[in-house]
Amino acid sequence: MARVEDLTPEHFVEWGAAFVPQNLLGYAVRNAEGFLVCLGGLWIIEGKAWATFDAKGDPPLIVHRLAVTLLKEAEKAGITEVWAELDETKPKAKKWMERCGFVYTNNSDAVQIWRRVLNG
């Protein structure tokens, strides 16, 4: 069974991420063996809320509900839009972004930028 934890910078270190954000709001998911299998969260960069998500293999089913809950909490906090970069190396990423309500906005330096408008 999956175990959900509040997301911390230490999770990004454990994940081996190239960038370790601070002041996070989100979740980390471990599998039954205790291995970190998924990260999802938000943080503010230059006045914009940015989302991150990464998974090793297929994420547990609870992950989509966690993401939706996180977006609702951001909306309650007064955030009006959330931005994200699409990792085109992940085959299911585009479909998942669309399912979460993100819309493609533009390419910036060959990176796809997506945005989700919140009703705040």
C-alpha atoms as a PDB file:
ATOM      1  CA  MET A   1       0.000   0.000   0.000  1.00  0.00           C
ATOM      2  CA  ALA A   2       1.211   3.521  -0.790  1.00  0.00           C
ATOM      3  CA  ARG A   3       2.248   5.849   2.019  1.00  0.00           C
ATOM      4  CA  VAL A   4       1.764   9.603   1.508  1.00  0.00           C
ATOM      5  CA  GLU A   5       4.063  12.161   3.155  1.00  0.00           C
ATOM      6  CA  ASP A   6       4.135  15.975   3.171  1.00  0.00           C
ATOM      7  CA  LEU A   7       6.640  17.078   0.534  1.00  0.00           C
ATOM      8  CA  THR A   8       9.961  18.456   1.817  1.00  0.00           C
ATOM      9  CA  PRO A   9      13.231  19.517   0.170  1.00  0.00           C
ATOM     10  CA  GLU A  10      14.745  16.295   1.537  1.00  0.00           C
ATOM     11  CA  HIS A  11      12.468  14.308  -0.775  1.00  0.00           C
ATOM     12  CA  PHE A  12      14.053  16.059  -3.772  1.00  0.00           C
ATOM     13  CA  VAL A  13      17.521  15.184  -2.442  1.00  0.00           C
ATOM     14  CA  GLU A  14      16.479  11.543  -2.002  1.00  0.00           C
ATOM     15  CA  TRP A  15      14.985  11.597  -5.522  1.00  0.00           C
ATOM     16  CA  GLY A  16      18.308  12.823  -6.939  1.00  0.00           C
ATOM     17  CA  ALA A  17      16.743  15.950  -8.434  1.00  0.00           C
ATOM     18  CA  ALA A  18      19.002  18.540 -10.033  1.00  0.00           C
ATOM     19  CA  PHE A  19      17.007  21.331  -8.345  1.00  0.00           C
ATOM     20  CA  VAL A  20      15.879  21.338  -4.711  1.00  0.00           C
ATOM     21  CA  PRO A  21      13.061  23.865  -4.217  1.00  0.00           C
ATOM     22  CA  GLN A  22      12.252  25.399  -0.847  1.00  0.00           C
ATOM     23  CA  ASN A  23       8.897  26.485   0.637  1.00  0.00           C
ATOM     24  CA  LEU A  24       6.974  23.585  -0.857  1.00  0.00           C
ATOM     25  CA  LEU A  25       3.392  22.485  -0.622  1.00  0.00           C
ATOM     26  CA  GLY A  26       2.770  18.972  -1.856  1.00  0.00           C
ATOM     27  CA  TYR A  27       3.153  15.248  -1.385  1.00  0.00           C
ATOM     28  CA  ALA A  28       5.645  12.428  -1.694  1.00  0.00           C
ATOM     29  CA  VAL A  29       4.496   8.836  -2.112  1.00  0.00           C
ATOM     30  CA  ARG A  30       6.359   5.717  -1.013  1.00  0.00           C
ATOM     31  CA  ASN A  31       5.530   2.178  -2.056  1.00  0.00           C
ATOM     32  CA  ALA A  32       4.980  -0.720   0.371  1.00  0.00           C
ATOM     33  CA  GLU A  33       8.743  -1.321   0.523  1.00  0.00           C
ATOM     34  CA  GLY A  34       9.364   2.291   1.584  1.00  0.00           C
ATOM     35  CA  PHE A  35      10.894   3.464  -1.700  1.00  0.00           C
ATOM     36  CA  LEU A  36      10.039   6.949  -2.928  1.00  0.00           C
ATOM     37  CA  VAL A  37       7.966   6.507  -6.120  1.00  0.00           C
ATOM     38  CA  CYS A  38       6.318   9.886  -6.702  1.00  0.00           C
ATOM     39  CA  LEU A  39       6.688  13.612  -5.956  1.00  0.00           C
ATOM     40  CA  GLY A  40       4.097  16.295  -6.578  1.00  0.00           C
ATOM     41  CA  GLY A  41       3.920  19.862  -5.380  1.00  0.00           C
ATOM     42  CA  LEU A  42       3.844  23.607  -5.823  1.00  0.00           C
ATOM     43  CA  TRP A  43       6.235  26.418  -5.040  1.00  0.00           C
ATOM     44  CA  ILE A  44       6.495  30.107  -5.916  1.00  0.00           C
ATOM     45  CA  ILE A  45       9.205  31.306  -8.317  1.00  0.00           C
ATOM     46  CA  GLU A  46       9.355  35.006  -9.231  1.00  0.00           C
ATOM     47  CA  GLY A  47       5.739  35.506  -8.156  1.00  0.00           C
ATOM     48  CA  LYS A  48       4.364  32.530 -10.108  1.00  0.00           C
ATOM     49  CA  ALA A  49       3.109  29.238  -8.663  1.00  0.00           C
ATOM     50  CA  TRP A  50       4.858  26.351 -10.412  1.00  0.00           C
ATOM     51  CA  ALA A  51       3.811  22.716 -10.241  1.00  0.00           C
ATOM     52  CA  THR A  52       6.102  19.734 -10.302  1.00  0.00           C
ATOM     53  CA  PHE A  53       5.355  16.068 -10.664  1.00  0.00           C
ATOM     54  CA  ASP A  54       7.549  13.058 -11.243  1.00  0.00           C
ATOM     55  CA  ALA A  55       7.033   9.342 -10.834  1.00  0.00           C
ATOM     56  CA  LYS A  56       9.090   6.210 -11.143  1.00  0.00           C
ATOM     57  CA  GLY A  57       6.928   3.788 -13.091  1.00  0.00           C
ATOM     58  CA  ASP A  58       3.167   4.038 -12.951  1.00  0.00           C
ATOM     59  CA  PRO A  59       2.132   6.147  -9.936  1.00  0.00           C
ATOM     60  CA  PRO A  60      -0.416   4.794  -7.458  1.00  0.00           C
ATOM     61  CA  LEU A  61      -4.054   5.661  -8.188  1.00  0.00           C
ATOM     62  CA  ILE A  62      -4.187   8.061  -5.229  1.00  0.00           C
ATOM     63  CA  VAL A  63      -1.777  10.439  -6.990  1.00  0.00           C
ATOM     64  CA  HIS A  64      -4.395  12.077  -9.232  1.00  0.00           C
ATOM     65  CA  ARG A  65      -6.630  12.761  -6.211  1.00  0.00           C
ATOM     66  CA  LEU A  66      -3.646  14.246  -4.373  1.00  0.00           C
ATOM     67  CA  ALA A  67      -2.912  16.542  -7.321  1.00  0.00           C
ATOM     68  CA  VAL A  68      -6.529  17.703  -7.572  1.00  0.00           C
ATOM     69  CA  THR A  69      -6.626  18.343  -3.820  1.00  0.00           C
ATOM     70  CA  LEU A  70      -3.393  20.322  -4.032  1.00  0.00           C
ATOM     71  CA  LEU A  71      -4.829  22.522  -6.798  1.00  0.00           C
ATOM     72  CA  LYS A  72      -7.982  23.115  -4.730  1.00  0.00           C
ATOM     73  CA  GLU A  73      -5.873  24.130  -1.735  1.00  0.00           C
ATOM     74  CA  ALA A  74      -3.874  26.514  -3.929  1.00  0.00           C
ATOM     75  CA  GLU A  75      -7.132  28.066  -5.090  1.00  0.00           C
ATOM     76  CA  LYS A  76      -8.326  28.474  -1.488  1.00  0.00           C
ATOM     77  CA  ALA A  77      -5.023  30.212  -0.721  1.00  0.00           C
ATOM     78  CA  GLY A  78      -5.766  32.806  -3.421  1.00  0.00           C
ATOM     79  CA  ILE A  79      -3.476  31.476  -6.159  1.00  0.00           C
ATOM     80  CA  THR A  80      -5.117  32.283  -9.487  1.00  0.00           C
ATOM     81  CA  GLU A  81      -2.934  30.264 -11.849  1.00  0.00           C
ATOM     82  CA  VAL A  82      -0.398  27.454 -11.745  1.00  0.00           C
ATOM     83  CA  TRP A  83       2.356  26.945 -14.315  1.00  0.00           C
ATOM     84  CA  ALA A  84       4.184  23.766 -15.312  1.00  0.00           C
ATOM     85  CA  GLU A  85       6.759  22.523 -17.790  1.00  0.00           C
ATOM     86  CA  LEU A  86       5.896  19.384 -19.736  1.00  0.00           C
ATOM     87  CA  ASP A  87       8.562  16.676 -19.750  1.00  0.00           C
ATOM     88  CA  GLU A  88       8.141  15.239 -23.239  1.00  0.00           C
ATOM     89  CA  THR A  89      10.330  12.257 -22.350  1.00  0.00           C
ATOM     90  CA  LYS A  90       7.477  10.917 -20.197  1.00  0.00           C
ATOM     91  CA  PRO A  91       4.888   9.318 -22.517  1.00  0.00           C
ATOM     92  CA  LYS A  92       1.871   9.882 -20.233  1.00  0.00           C
ATOM     93  CA  ALA A  93       2.778  13.415 -19.106  1.00  0.00           C
ATOM     94  CA  LYS A  94       0.729  15.353 -21.681  1.00  0.00           C
ATOM     95  CA  LYS A  95      -2.431  13.336 -21.060  1.00  0.00           C
ATOM     96  CA  TRP A  96      -2.024  13.732 -17.296  1.00  0.00           C
ATOM     97  CA  MET A  97      -1.511  17.508 -17.598  1.00  0.00           C
ATOM     98  CA  GLU A  98      -4.678  17.778 -19.657  1.00  0.00           C
ATOM     99  CA  ARG A  99      -6.579  15.610 -17.165  1.00  0.00           C
ATOM    100  CA  CYS A 100      -5.492  17.991 -14.383  1.00  0.00           C
ATOM    101  CA  GLY A 101      -6.834  20.960 -16.363  1.00  0.00           C
ATOM    102  CA  PHE A 102      -3.573  22.430 -17.658  1.00  0.00           C
ATOM    103  CA  VAL A 103      -3.556  24.066 -21.090  1.00  0.00           C
ATOM    104  CA  TYR A 104      -0.559  24.449 -23.391  1.00  0.00           C
ATOM    105  CA  THR A 105       0.591  28.075 -23.628  1.00  0.00           C
ATOM    106  CA  ASN A 106       3.898  28.225 -25.548  1.00  0.00           C
ATOM    107  CA  ASN A 107       7.368  26.860 -26.176  1.00  0.00           C
ATOM    108  CA  SER A 108      10.160  28.625 -24.348  1.00  0.00           C
ATOM    109  CA  ASP A 109      13.641  27.449 -25.278  1.00  0.00           C
ATOM    110  CA  ALA A 110      12.092  24.205 -26.597  1.00  0.00           C
ATOM    111  CA  VAL A 111      10.280  23.565 -23.291  1.00  0.00           C
ATOM    112  CA  GLN A 112       6.509  23.317 -23.353  1.00  0.00           C
ATOM    113  CA  ILE A 113       4.920  25.652 -20.796  1.00  0.00           C
ATOM    114  CA  TRP A 114       1.418  24.815 -19.555  1.00  0.00           C
ATOM    115  CA  ARG A 115      -0.957  26.771 -17.320  1.00  0.00           C
ATOM    116  CA  ARG A 116      -3.937  25.939 -15.151  1.00  0.00           C
ATOM    117  CA  VAL A 117      -6.221  28.869 -14.322  1.00  0.00           C
ATOM    118  CA  LEU A 118      -7.805  28.662 -10.871  1.00  0.00           C
ATOM    119  CA  ASN A 119     -10.981  30.517 -10.027  1.00  0.00           C
ATOM    120  CA  GLY A 120      -9.521  31.741  -6.704  1.00  0.00           C
END
